[in-house]
Amino acid sequence: MTRLQSNAKRPYVDFTAPVDAIRAKFMLIVQSSKLWDGQVAKLQVTDSKESSIELRALASARSPGDAFDLRCDIREQLIAFLQKEHPTALPHARAESLRADTPETRQRPQQDSPPGTPEPAPQDDERRARTAAR
């Protein structure tokens, strides 16, 4: 009988993801599946990018149909595990604020300006106040 390997695609996770915990969950998923033929089960980090790492989940099955179903089961259960137990491990965009977070900037009311309009400098506020007082 031919052994077919099911590669559960290559999910990407945040580079802070707990790989050992993900690997342990993967093994529980595979070992509890009736679709697994008991031969191959492996989860590896196969690549790393600036903001994510690529995981390769590999498990073997007896037939192409079983391999496909096993691949889907592994993917769905790993995603559910990450959503519930490690939501920050899912890929997400990071943004870094360049504006200083000071009491002055936190207390300043937001003005409705068209997009791309620069914020007024503090001296502009003073100038407007002097002009209004005249």
Foldseek 3Di string as FASTA:
>chain_A
DDKAKAKLDKAKWFPVDPVVVLLVVLVVLQVPDPFFPPDDWDKDFDADDPTITIIITMTIGDDPVSSVVSSVSSVVVSVVCCVPPPVNGHGDDDDDDPDDDDPVVVPDDDDDDPPPDDDDDPVVVVVVVVVVVD
